[in-house]
Amino acid sequence: MRYFFAFAAAFAIATSAAFAAGAPTVVMPGQEKYTAQPGNYQMAVLYGNPAKAGFWVVRLKLPANWTFPVHYHPDRESVTVISGTFYAGIGSKMDKAHALAFPAGSFISVPPNLRHYAFTKGPAVIDISGTGPLKDMMVK
């Protein structure tokens, strides 16, 4: 037991030093700062800056019947579904009949330059992460 307390004390000291050197980014539920975006959704930046080079994470609040047309990104984009159901498909034309439904807890990692589209039927919340700058290249 004596070794456990010694280990616990050493761990607490090391953890305090690590936090002092570089504090973690923490966003608790309800602390997100959402802003309205063109396209009828809200976005909160959780980490980094998607407009600049480097790693970033954003959270999107998507309303029912939201649609994002066919597009691609020059860098990998990863999506985690937080709540609701998020629908996405692959291809150069939107085909909702062939899209997949991703329920809460789903993870999707989209490689660079893959044409894809997304939509909702009911409200959904998703996290998107990648390396910046984030660029949505629209397909006509």
Protein backbone atom coordinates (compact mmCIF):
# COMPACT_ATOMS: atom_id res chain seq x y z
CA MET A 1 0.00 0.00 0.00
CA ARG A 2 2.91 2.31 0.77
CA TYR A 3 4.10 1.95 -2.85
CA PHE A 4 0.65 2.85 -4.14
CA PHE A 5 0.64 6.15 -2.22
CA ALA A 6 4.18 6.93 -3.38
CA PHE A 7 3.15 6.22 -6.98
CA ALA A 8 -0.01 8.31 -6.60
CA ALA A 9 1.98 11.24 -5.19
CA ALA A 10 4.57 11.02 -7.98
CA PHE A 11 1.79 10.80 -10.60
CA ALA A 12 0.04 13.86 -9.14
CA ILE A 13 3.27 15.87 -9.23
CA ALA A 14 4.05 14.78 -12.81
CA THR A 15 0.50 15.53 -13.95
CA SER A 16 0.58 19.00 -12.37
CA ALA A 17 3.87 19.73 -14.13
CA ALA A 18 2.46 18.52 -17.47
CA PHE A 19 -0.62 20.73 -17.14
CA ALA A 20 1.54 23.71 -16.24
CA ALA A 21 3.69 23.12 -19.35
CA GLY A 22 0.70 22.94 -21.69
CA ALA A 23 -2.89 22.92 -20.52
CA PRO A 24 -5.35 20.64 -22.33
CA THR A 25 -8.25 22.09 -24.28
CA VAL A 26 -11.51 21.18 -22.56
CA VAL A 27 -15.00 21.95 -23.84
CA MET A 28 -17.76 20.63 -21.60
CA PRO A 29 -21.29 20.04 -22.94
CA GLY A 30 -23.10 23.37 -23.18
CA GLN A 31 -19.88 25.41 -23.31
CA GLU A 32 -19.65 25.37 -27.11
CA LYS A 33 -19.81 28.79 -28.74
CA TYR A 34 -21.94 28.27 -31.83
CA THR A 35 -22.16 30.75 -34.69
CA ALA A 36 -24.67 30.69 -37.53
CA GLN A 37 -23.18 29.61 -40.86
CA PRO A 38 -24.31 30.08 -44.46
CA GLY A 39 -26.20 26.92 -45.35
CA ASN A 40 -28.52 27.00 -42.32
CA TYR A 41 -26.40 25.30 -39.65
CA GLN A 42 -24.40 26.30 -36.59
CA MET A 43 -20.69 25.70 -35.96
CA ALA A 44 -18.53 25.79 -32.85
CA VAL A 45 -14.74 25.61 -33.11
CA LEU A 46 -13.58 23.18 -30.40
CA TYR A 47 -9.87 23.22 -31.19
CA GLY A 48 -7.49 25.00 -33.53
CA ASN A 49 -8.51 27.20 -36.43
CA PRO A 50 -10.02 25.51 -39.51
CA ALA A 51 -9.02 28.54 -41.63
CA LYS A 52 -5.32 27.99 -40.92
CA ALA A 53 -2.76 25.20 -41.27
CA GLY A 54 -2.76 22.72 -38.41
CA PHE A 55 -5.10 20.31 -36.64
CA TRP A 56 -8.64 21.53 -35.91
CA VAL A 57 -11.96 20.19 -34.60
CA VAL A 58 -15.38 21.77 -35.17
CA ARG A 59 -18.85 20.78 -33.97
CA LEU A 60 -21.84 21.30 -36.25
CA LYS A 61 -25.46 21.54 -35.16
CA LEU A 62 -27.47 20.50 -38.19
CA PRO A 63 -31.21 21.11 -38.49
CA ALA A 64 -33.71 18.65 -39.93
CA ASN A 65 -33.70 18.50 -43.74
CA TRP A 66 -30.25 20.08 -44.04
CA THR A 67 -28.26 19.29 -47.19
CA PHE A 68 -24.62 19.79 -48.17
CA PRO A 69 -24.13 19.29 -51.93
CA VAL A 70 -21.44 17.20 -53.58
CA HIS A 71 -17.96 18.40 -52.67
CA TYR A 72 -14.48 17.20 -51.77
CA HIS A 73 -11.54 18.33 -49.65
CA PRO A 74 -7.83 18.40 -50.51
CA ASP A 75 -7.08 16.87 -47.07
CA ARG A 76 -8.58 14.01 -45.03
CA GLU A 77 -11.73 14.85 -43.08
CA SER A 78 -12.99 12.77 -40.14
CA VAL A 79 -16.56 12.90 -38.83
CA THR A 80 -17.99 11.61 -35.54
CA VAL A 81 -21.77 11.60 -35.11
CA ILE A 82 -22.61 12.91 -31.63
CA SER A 83 -26.41 12.81 -31.80
CA GLY A 84 -29.14 12.16 -34.32
CA THR A 85 -28.54 10.42 -37.63
CA PHE A 86 -26.20 11.82 -40.28
CA TYR A 87 -26.56 10.66 -43.89
CA ALA A 88 -23.70 10.65 -46.38
CA GLY A 89 -22.99 9.27 -49.80
CA ILE A 90 -20.14 9.00 -52.26
CA GLY A 91 -20.31 10.13 -55.86
CA SER A 92 -20.34 13.09 -58.21
CA LYS A 93 -24.14 13.46 -58.02
CA MET A 94 -26.31 13.51 -54.92
CA ASP A 95 -28.32 10.30 -54.69
CA LYS A 96 -30.11 10.22 -51.32
CA ALA A 97 -31.49 6.75 -52.08
CA HIS A 98 -27.95 5.31 -51.97
CA ALA A 99 -26.63 7.29 -49.00
CA LEU A 100 -25.76 5.50 -45.77
CA ALA A 101 -27.32 6.37 -42.41
CA PHE A 102 -24.78 6.98 -39.64
CA PRO A 103 -26.37 6.93 -36.16
CA ALA A 104 -24.89 8.56 -33.05
CA GLY A 105 -21.51 7.03 -32.24
CA SER A 106 -20.56 6.47 -35.89
CA PHE A 107 -17.16 7.52 -37.25
CA ILE A 108 -16.33 8.29 -40.89
CA SER A 109 -12.90 9.18 -42.26
CA VAL A 110 -13.04 10.59 -45.79
CA PRO A 111 -9.83 10.48 -47.84
CA PRO A 112 -8.67 13.54 -49.79
CA ASN A 113 -10.40 14.32 -53.09
CA LEU A 114 -13.28 11.85 -52.62
CA ARG A 115 -16.53 13.35 -53.93
CA HIS A 116 -19.24 13.07 -51.29
CA TYR A 117 -22.43 14.70 -50.03
CA ALA A 118 -24.36 14.81 -46.78
CA PHE A 119 -27.82 15.52 -45.40
CA THR A 120 -30.10 15.08 -42.42
CA LYS A 121 -33.70 14.03 -42.00
CA GLY A 122 -33.90 15.11 -38.35
CA PRO A 123 -31.58 17.30 -36.25
CA ALA A 124 -28.04 15.99 -35.79
CA VAL A 125 -24.79 17.06 -34.14
CA ILE A 126 -21.44 16.02 -35.62
CA ASP A 127 -17.79 16.70 -34.92
CA ILE A 128 -15.48 17.16 -37.90
CA SER A 129 -11.69 17.14 -37.60
CA GLY A 130 -8.84 17.52 -40.00
CA THR A 131 -5.78 19.54 -40.82
CA GLY A 132 -6.23 23.02 -42.16
CA PRO A 133 -7.00 24.99 -43.84
CA LEU A 134 -10.43 23.42 -44.35
CA LYS A 135 -11.52 23.80 -47.96
CA ASP A 136 -14.85 22.65 -49.38
CA MET A 137 -14.35 22.20 -53.11
CA MET A 138 -17.85 22.24 -54.62
CA VAL A 139 -18.66 19.92 -57.55
CA LYS A 140 -21.02 21.30 -60.19
